[in-house]
N, C-alpha and C. Protein backbone atom coordinates (compact mmCIF):
# COMPACT_ATOMS: atom_id res chain seq x y z
N UNK A 1 -78.55 13.47 -101.61
CA UNK A 1 -77.78 12.64 -102.53
C UNK A 1 -77.24 11.39 -101.83
N UNK A 2 -76.82 11.53 -100.58
CA UNK A 2 -76.27 10.39 -99.85
C UNK A 2 -77.35 9.34 -99.59
N UNK A 3 -78.56 9.80 -99.35
CA UNK A 3 -79.66 8.88 -99.06
C UNK A 3 -79.95 8.00 -100.27
N UNK A 4 -79.92 8.57 -101.45
CA UNK A 4 -80.15 7.78 -102.67
C UNK A 4 -79.03 6.76 -102.88
N UNK A 5 -77.83 7.16 -102.59
CA UNK A 5 -76.69 6.25 -102.73
C UNK A 5 -76.78 5.08 -101.76
N UNK A 6 -77.24 5.36 -100.55
CA UNK A 6 -77.38 4.30 -99.55
C UNK A 6 -78.49 3.34 -99.97
N UNK A 7 -79.59 3.88 -100.49
CA UNK A 7 -80.70 3.02 -100.93
C UNK A 7 -80.24 2.14 -102.08
N UNK A 8 -79.46 2.69 -103.00
CA UNK A 8 -78.95 1.90 -104.12
C UNK A 8 -78.02 0.79 -103.63
N UNK A 9 -77.16 1.12 -102.68
CA UNK A 9 -76.23 0.11 -102.15
C UNK A 9 -77.00 -0.99 -101.43
N UNK A 10 -78.02 -0.63 -100.67
CA UNK A 10 -78.82 -1.64 -99.99
C UNK A 10 -79.58 -2.51 -100.98
N UNK A 11 -80.08 -1.91 -102.05
CA UNK A 11 -80.80 -2.67 -103.08
C UNK A 11 -79.86 -3.65 -103.78
N UNK A 12 -78.65 -3.22 -104.09
CA UNK A 12 -77.68 -4.11 -104.72
C UNK A 12 -77.32 -5.26 -103.78
N UNK A 13 -77.15 -4.96 -102.50
CA UNK A 13 -76.85 -6.00 -101.51
C UNK A 13 -78.00 -6.99 -101.39
N UNK A 14 -79.22 -6.49 -101.36
CA UNK A 14 -80.40 -7.35 -101.26
C UNK A 14 -80.54 -8.24 -102.49
N UNK A 15 -80.37 -7.68 -103.66
CA UNK A 15 -80.46 -8.47 -104.90
C UNK A 15 -79.36 -9.53 -104.94
N UNK A 16 -78.17 -9.17 -104.49
CA UNK A 16 -77.07 -10.14 -104.44
C UNK A 16 -77.37 -11.29 -103.50
N UNK A 17 -77.94 -10.99 -102.33
CA UNK A 17 -78.28 -12.03 -101.37
C UNK A 17 -79.36 -12.96 -101.94
N UNK A 18 -80.35 -12.39 -102.58
CA UNK A 18 -81.42 -13.20 -103.20
C UNK A 18 -80.84 -14.08 -104.30
N UNK A 19 -79.93 -13.55 -105.07
CA UNK A 19 -79.30 -14.32 -106.15
C UNK A 19 -78.52 -15.50 -105.58
N UNK A 20 -77.80 -15.29 -104.50
CA UNK A 20 -77.04 -16.38 -103.87
C UNK A 20 -77.99 -17.47 -103.36
N UNK A 21 -79.11 -17.06 -102.75
CA UNK A 21 -80.09 -18.03 -102.25
C UNK A 21 -80.67 -18.84 -103.40
N UNK A 22 -80.99 -18.19 -104.50
CA UNK A 22 -81.55 -18.88 -105.66
C UNK A 22 -80.55 -19.88 -106.24
N UNK A 23 -79.30 -19.50 -106.33
CA UNK A 23 -78.27 -20.39 -106.87
C UNK A 23 -78.09 -21.61 -105.96
N UNK A 24 -78.05 -21.40 -104.66
CA UNK A 24 -77.89 -22.53 -103.72
C UNK A 24 -79.10 -23.46 -103.80
N UNK A 25 -80.30 -22.89 -103.86
CA UNK A 25 -81.50 -23.72 -103.98
C UNK A 25 -81.48 -24.50 -105.29
N UNK A 26 -81.02 -23.89 -106.36
CA UNK A 26 -80.92 -24.57 -107.65
C UNK A 26 -79.96 -25.74 -107.61
N UNK A 27 -78.87 -25.59 -106.90
CA UNK A 27 -77.91 -26.69 -106.78
C UNK A 27 -78.54 -27.87 -106.05
N UNK A 28 -79.28 -27.59 -104.97
CA UNK A 28 -79.96 -28.67 -104.24
C UNK A 28 -81.00 -29.35 -105.11
N UNK A 29 -81.77 -28.57 -105.86
CA UNK A 29 -82.81 -29.15 -106.73
C UNK A 29 -82.17 -30.03 -107.80
N UNK A 30 -81.07 -29.60 -108.38
CA UNK A 30 -80.41 -30.41 -109.41
C UNK A 30 -79.89 -31.72 -108.82
N UNK A 31 -79.34 -31.67 -107.61
CA UNK A 31 -78.87 -32.90 -106.96
C UNK A 31 -80.02 -33.87 -106.73
N UNK A 32 -81.14 -33.36 -106.25
CA UNK A 32 -82.32 -34.21 -106.00
C UNK A 32 -82.83 -34.78 -107.32
N UNK A 33 -82.88 -33.97 -108.36
CA UNK A 33 -83.35 -34.42 -109.66
C UNK A 33 -82.46 -35.52 -110.22
N UNK A 34 -81.16 -35.35 -110.11
CA UNK A 34 -80.24 -36.40 -110.58
C UNK A 34 -80.42 -37.69 -109.79
N UNK A 35 -80.65 -37.58 -108.50
CA UNK A 35 -80.86 -38.77 -107.68
C UNK A 35 -82.13 -39.49 -108.08
N UNK A 36 -83.21 -38.76 -108.29
CA UNK A 36 -84.48 -39.37 -108.68
C UNK A 36 -84.35 -40.00 -110.06
N UNK A 37 -83.69 -39.31 -110.98
CA UNK A 37 -83.53 -39.85 -112.34
C UNK A 37 -82.72 -41.14 -112.29
N UNK A 38 -81.70 -41.19 -111.46
CA UNK A 38 -80.90 -42.41 -111.32
C UNK A 38 -81.72 -43.55 -110.76
N UNK A 39 -82.56 -43.26 -109.77
CA UNK A 39 -83.40 -44.29 -109.18
C UNK A 39 -84.42 -44.82 -110.19
N UNK A 40 -85.02 -43.93 -110.97
CA UNK A 40 -85.99 -44.35 -111.98
C UNK A 40 -85.32 -45.21 -113.03
N UNK A 41 -84.14 -44.83 -113.44
CA UNK A 41 -83.40 -45.62 -114.43
C UNK A 41 -83.10 -47.01 -113.89
N UNK A 42 -82.71 -47.09 -112.64
CA UNK A 42 -82.41 -48.39 -112.01
C UNK A 42 -83.67 -49.26 -111.95
N UNK A 43 -84.80 -48.67 -111.58
CA UNK A 43 -86.06 -49.43 -111.50
C UNK A 43 -86.46 -49.93 -112.89
N UNK A 44 -86.35 -49.09 -113.90
CA UNK A 44 -86.72 -49.49 -115.26
C UNK A 44 -85.80 -50.61 -115.75
N UNK A 45 -84.52 -50.50 -115.48
CA UNK A 45 -83.58 -51.54 -115.90
C UNK A 45 -83.89 -52.87 -115.21
N UNK A 46 -84.19 -52.82 -113.93
CA UNK A 46 -84.53 -54.04 -113.19
C UNK A 46 -85.81 -54.66 -113.73
N UNK A 47 -86.81 -53.84 -113.98
CA UNK A 47 -88.08 -54.35 -114.52
C UNK A 47 -87.87 -54.97 -115.90
N UNK A 48 -87.07 -54.34 -116.72
CA UNK A 48 -86.79 -54.87 -118.05
C UNK A 48 -86.08 -56.22 -117.96
N UNK A 49 -85.10 -56.30 -117.10
CA UNK A 49 -84.36 -57.56 -116.95
C UNK A 49 -85.26 -58.68 -116.43
N UNK A 50 -86.12 -58.37 -115.47
CA UNK A 50 -87.04 -59.38 -114.94
C UNK A 50 -88.03 -59.83 -116.00
N UNK A 51 -88.51 -58.90 -116.82
CA UNK A 51 -89.46 -59.25 -117.88
C UNK A 51 -88.80 -60.14 -118.91
N UNK A 52 -87.57 -59.82 -119.27
CA UNK A 52 -86.85 -60.63 -120.27
C UNK A 52 -86.58 -62.03 -119.71
N UNK A 53 -86.25 -62.13 -118.41
CA UNK A 53 -85.96 -63.43 -117.82
C UNK A 53 -87.21 -64.31 -117.73
N UNK A 54 -88.38 -63.71 -117.59
CA UNK A 54 -89.63 -64.48 -117.50
C UNK A 54 -90.05 -65.05 -118.85
N UNK A 55 -89.58 -64.45 -119.90
CA UNK A 55 -89.93 -64.94 -121.24
C UNK A 55 -89.16 -66.21 -121.46
């Protein structure tokens, strides 16, 4: 009975560690995505302004 309890505790600990890693990786991905989206928006705005000025 103790062996099953230890395996369950280790499994819960392992799943918790994996969950923390996934959450941290998700935070980094969201930061990178926001940065890229901001850069694309800036490039599009600059291109639009230059096109309007050339007309």
